[in-house]
Amino acid sequence: MYIILTILIVIVAILLVLIVVVQNSKGGGLAAGFASSNQVMGVRKTTDFLEKATWWLAGIVVALCVIATIFSRPSAAVDDSGINEMLEKTASPDVSTPPPFETPMEAPVAE
């Protein structure tokens, strides 16, 4: 499911980039090259459609990212049973470590 959501996010992001590039900015943008589409729908309706499409696609990207986060598996979380099994294998309860400096060291005798 996570891979499908990731593919959808990439597709919607590419569409979002294309819509933003086509929009008419203050300098003219690529929308100025599509004069025939402006004649059919009118300049105002084209910009309204592109602006609404931009907002919708941005909202879809955000929603898909939140959903993908819900479906993703946390990589930092470790199952406790795995840790307990590992500790049981490595720990040996019969071996006890003596406390440090149990017997004082004897000084060498000078002859």
C-alpha atoms as a PDB file:
ATOM      1  CA  MET A   1       0.000   0.000   0.000  1.00  0.00           C
ATOM      2  CA  TYR A   2       2.888   2.327   0.834  1.00  0.00           C
ATOM      3  CA  ILE A   3       4.427   1.875  -2.631  1.00  0.00           C
ATOM      4  CA  ILE A   4       1.104   2.640  -4.341  1.00  0.00           C
ATOM      5  CA  LEU A   5       0.737   5.819  -2.281  1.00  0.00           C
ATOM      6  CA  THR A   6       4.295   6.833  -3.121  1.00  0.00           C
ATOM      7  CA  ILE A   7       3.641   6.365  -6.845  1.00  0.00           C
ATOM      8  CA  LEU A   8       0.440   8.434  -6.562  1.00  0.00           C
ATOM      9  CA  ILE A   9       2.337  11.194  -4.742  1.00  0.00           C
ATOM     10  CA  VAL A  10       4.957  11.317  -7.511  1.00  0.00           C
ATOM     11  CA  ILE A  11       2.293  11.446 -10.253  1.00  0.00           C
ATOM     12  CA  VAL A  12       0.325  14.209  -8.512  1.00  0.00           C
ATOM     13  CA  ALA A  13       3.543  16.151  -7.829  1.00  0.00           C
ATOM     14  CA  ILE A  14       4.485  15.993 -11.529  1.00  0.00           C
ATOM     15  CA  LEU A  15       0.996  17.230 -12.470  1.00  0.00           C
ATOM     16  CA  LEU A  16       1.348  20.016  -9.911  1.00  0.00           C
ATOM     17  CA  VAL A  17       4.672  21.110 -11.398  1.00  0.00           C
ATOM     18  CA  LEU A  18       3.171  21.135 -14.900  1.00  0.00           C
ATOM     19  CA  ILE A  19       0.151  23.195 -13.785  1.00  0.00           C
ATOM     20  CA  VAL A  20       2.364  25.721 -11.984  1.00  0.00           C
ATOM     21  CA  VAL A  21       4.642  26.089 -15.019  1.00  0.00           C
ATOM     22  CA  VAL A  22       1.670  26.676 -17.321  1.00  0.00           C
ATOM     23  CA  GLN A  23       0.152  29.404 -15.118  1.00  0.00           C
ATOM     24  CA  ASN A  24       0.346  32.996 -16.239  1.00  0.00           C
ATOM     25  CA  SER A  25       2.757  34.836 -14.013  1.00  0.00           C
ATOM     26  CA  LYS A  26       3.515  38.562 -14.017  1.00  0.00           C
ATOM     27  CA  GLY A  27       6.026  38.015 -16.815  1.00  0.00           C
ATOM     28  CA  GLY A  28       3.625  36.107 -19.055  1.00  0.00           C
ATOM     29  CA  GLY A  29       4.613  32.492 -18.312  1.00  0.00           C
ATOM     30  CA  LEU A  30       3.915  29.575 -20.587  1.00  0.00           C
ATOM     31  CA  ALA A  31       0.176  30.266 -20.517  1.00  0.00           C
ATOM     32  CA  ALA A  32       0.735  33.117 -22.985  1.00  0.00           C
ATOM     33  CA  GLY A  33       1.676  30.549 -25.624  1.00  0.00           C
ATOM     34  CA  PHE A  34      -1.729  28.854 -25.353  1.00  0.00           C
ATOM     35  CA  ALA A  35      -3.726  31.654 -26.943  1.00  0.00           C
ATOM     36  CA  SER A  36      -6.272  29.301 -28.516  1.00  0.00           C
ATOM     37  CA  SER A  37      -7.334  27.877 -25.141  1.00  0.00           C
ATOM     38  CA  ASN A  38      -7.749  31.415 -23.805  1.00  0.00           C
ATOM     39  CA  GLN A  39     -10.070  32.252 -26.693  1.00  0.00           C
ATOM     40  CA  VAL A  40     -12.299  29.265 -25.982  1.00  0.00           C
ATOM     41  CA  MET A  41     -12.650  29.614 -22.219  1.00  0.00           C
ATOM     42  CA  GLY A  42     -11.546  33.197 -21.749  1.00  0.00           C
ATOM     43  CA  VAL A  43      -8.499  34.450 -19.899  1.00  0.00           C
ATOM     44  CA  ARG A  44     -10.233  34.759 -16.536  1.00  0.00           C
ATOM     45  CA  LYS A  45     -11.730  31.256 -16.606  1.00  0.00           C
ATOM     46  CA  THR A  46      -8.393  29.696 -17.586  1.00  0.00           C
ATOM     47  CA  THR A  47      -6.578  31.335 -14.680  1.00  0.00           C
ATOM     48  CA  ASP A  48      -9.385  30.365 -12.289  1.00  0.00           C
ATOM     49  CA  PHE A  49      -9.170  26.744 -13.453  1.00  0.00           C
ATOM     50  CA  LEU A  50      -5.373  26.659 -13.162  1.00  0.00           C
ATOM     51  CA  GLU A  51      -5.466  28.245  -9.705  1.00  0.00           C
ATOM     52  CA  LYS A  52      -8.126  25.832  -8.467  1.00  0.00           C
ATOM     53  CA  ALA A  53      -6.242  22.884  -9.972  1.00  0.00           C
ATOM     54  CA  THR A  54      -3.072  24.039  -8.195  1.00  0.00           C
ATOM     55  CA  TRP A  55      -4.805  24.214  -4.820  1.00  0.00           C
ATOM     56  CA  TRP A  56      -6.554  20.863  -5.320  1.00  0.00           C
ATOM     57  CA  LEU A  57      -3.353  19.103  -6.374  1.00  0.00           C
ATOM     58  CA  ALA A  58      -1.435  20.620  -3.451  1.00  0.00           C
ATOM     59  CA  GLY A  59      -4.157  19.431  -1.072  1.00  0.00           C
ATOM     60  CA  ILE A  60      -4.078  15.957  -2.615  1.00  0.00           C
ATOM     61  CA  VAL A  61      -0.285  15.777  -2.178  1.00  0.00           C
ATOM     62  CA  VAL A  62      -0.609  16.757   1.494  1.00  0.00           C
ATOM     63  CA  ALA A  63      -3.414  14.236   2.093  1.00  0.00           C
ATOM     64  CA  LEU A  64      -1.508  11.444   0.347  1.00  0.00           C
ATOM     65  CA  CYS A  65       1.617  12.231   2.389  1.00  0.00           C
ATOM     66  CA  VAL A  66      -0.357  12.014   5.640  1.00  0.00           C
ATOM     67  CA  ILE A  67      -1.954   8.726   4.554  1.00  0.00           C
ATOM     68  CA  ALA A  68       1.442   7.347   3.490  1.00  0.00           C
ATOM     69  CA  THR A  69       2.844   8.266   6.901  1.00  0.00           C
ATOM     70  CA  ILE A  70       0.046   6.321   8.570  1.00  0.00           C
ATOM     71  CA  PHE A  71       0.748   3.242   6.442  1.00  0.00           C
ATOM     72  CA  SER A  72       4.534   3.408   6.776  1.00  0.00           C
ATOM     73  CA  ARG A  73       6.262   1.096   9.226  1.00  0.00           C
ATOM     74  CA  PRO A  74       8.389   2.848  11.830  1.00  0.00           C
ATOM     75  CA  SER A  75      11.979   1.776  11.268  1.00  0.00           C
ATOM     76  CA  ALA A  76      13.184   2.755  14.737  1.00  0.00           C
ATOM     77  CA  ALA A  77      10.658   0.613  16.588  1.00  0.00           C
ATOM     78  CA  VAL A  78      11.946  -2.817  17.532  1.00  0.00           C
ATOM     79  CA  ASP A  79       9.846  -5.691  18.757  1.00  0.00           C
ATOM     80  CA  ASP A  80      10.494  -6.309  22.470  1.00  0.00           C
ATOM     81  CA  SER A  81      10.360 -10.074  22.062  1.00  0.00           C
ATOM     82  CA  GLY A  82      13.342  -9.944  19.705  1.00  0.00           C
ATOM     83  CA  ILE A  83      15.388  -8.024  22.248  1.00  0.00           C
ATOM     84  CA  ASN A  84      14.438 -10.428  25.026  1.00  0.00           C
ATOM     85  CA  GLU A  85      15.404 -13.444  22.917  1.00  0.00           C
ATOM     86  CA  MET A  86      18.764 -11.882  22.090  1.00  0.00           C
ATOM     87  CA  LEU A  87      19.455 -11.118  25.750  1.00  0.00           C
ATOM     88  CA  GLU A  88      18.529 -14.651  26.775  1.00  0.00           C
ATOM     89  CA  LYS A  89      20.961 -16.108  24.252  1.00  0.00           C
ATOM     90  CA  THR A  90      23.878 -13.898  25.264  1.00  0.00           C
ATOM     91  CA  ALA A  91      23.385 -13.891  29.045  1.00  0.00           C
ATOM     92  CA  SER A  92      24.625 -16.855  31.049  1.00  0.00           C
ATOM     93  CA  PRO A  93      23.196 -16.874  34.575  1.00  0.00           C
ATOM     94  CA  ASP A  94      25.697 -19.470  36.020  1.00  0.00           C
ATOM     95  CA  VAL A  95      28.750 -17.274  35.583  1.00  0.00           C
ATOM     96  CA  SER A  96      29.206 -14.730  38.309  1.00  0.00           C
ATOM     97  CA  THR A  97      31.809 -12.045  38.132  1.00  0.00           C
ATOM     98  CA  PRO A  98      33.891 -11.546  41.237  1.00  0.00           C
ATOM     99  CA  PRO A  99      33.881  -8.105  42.764  1.00  0.00           C
ATOM    100  CA  PRO A 100      36.931  -6.019  41.931  1.00  0.00           C
ATOM    101  CA  PHE A 101      39.956  -6.266  44.287  1.00  0.00           C
ATOM    102  CA  GLU A 102      38.623  -9.299  46.134  1.00  0.00           C
ATOM    103  CA  THR A 103      42.065 -10.174  47.534  1.00  0.00           C
ATOM    104  CA  PRO A 104      44.809  -7.641  48.044  1.00  0.00           C
ATOM    105  CA  MET A 105      47.837  -8.089  45.857  1.00  0.00           C
ATOM    106  CA  GLU A 106      50.966  -9.135  47.619  1.00  0.00           C
ATOM    107  CA  ALA A 107      54.000  -6.971  47.271  1.00  0.00           C
ATOM    108  CA  PRO A 108      57.085  -8.710  45.863  1.00  0.00           C
ATOM    109  CA  VAL A 109      59.592  -9.710  48.508  1.00  0.00           C
ATOM    110  CA  ALA A 110      63.070  -8.278  48.014  1.00  0.00           C
ATOM    111  CA  GLU A 111      65.877 -10.797  48.585  1.00  0.00           C
END
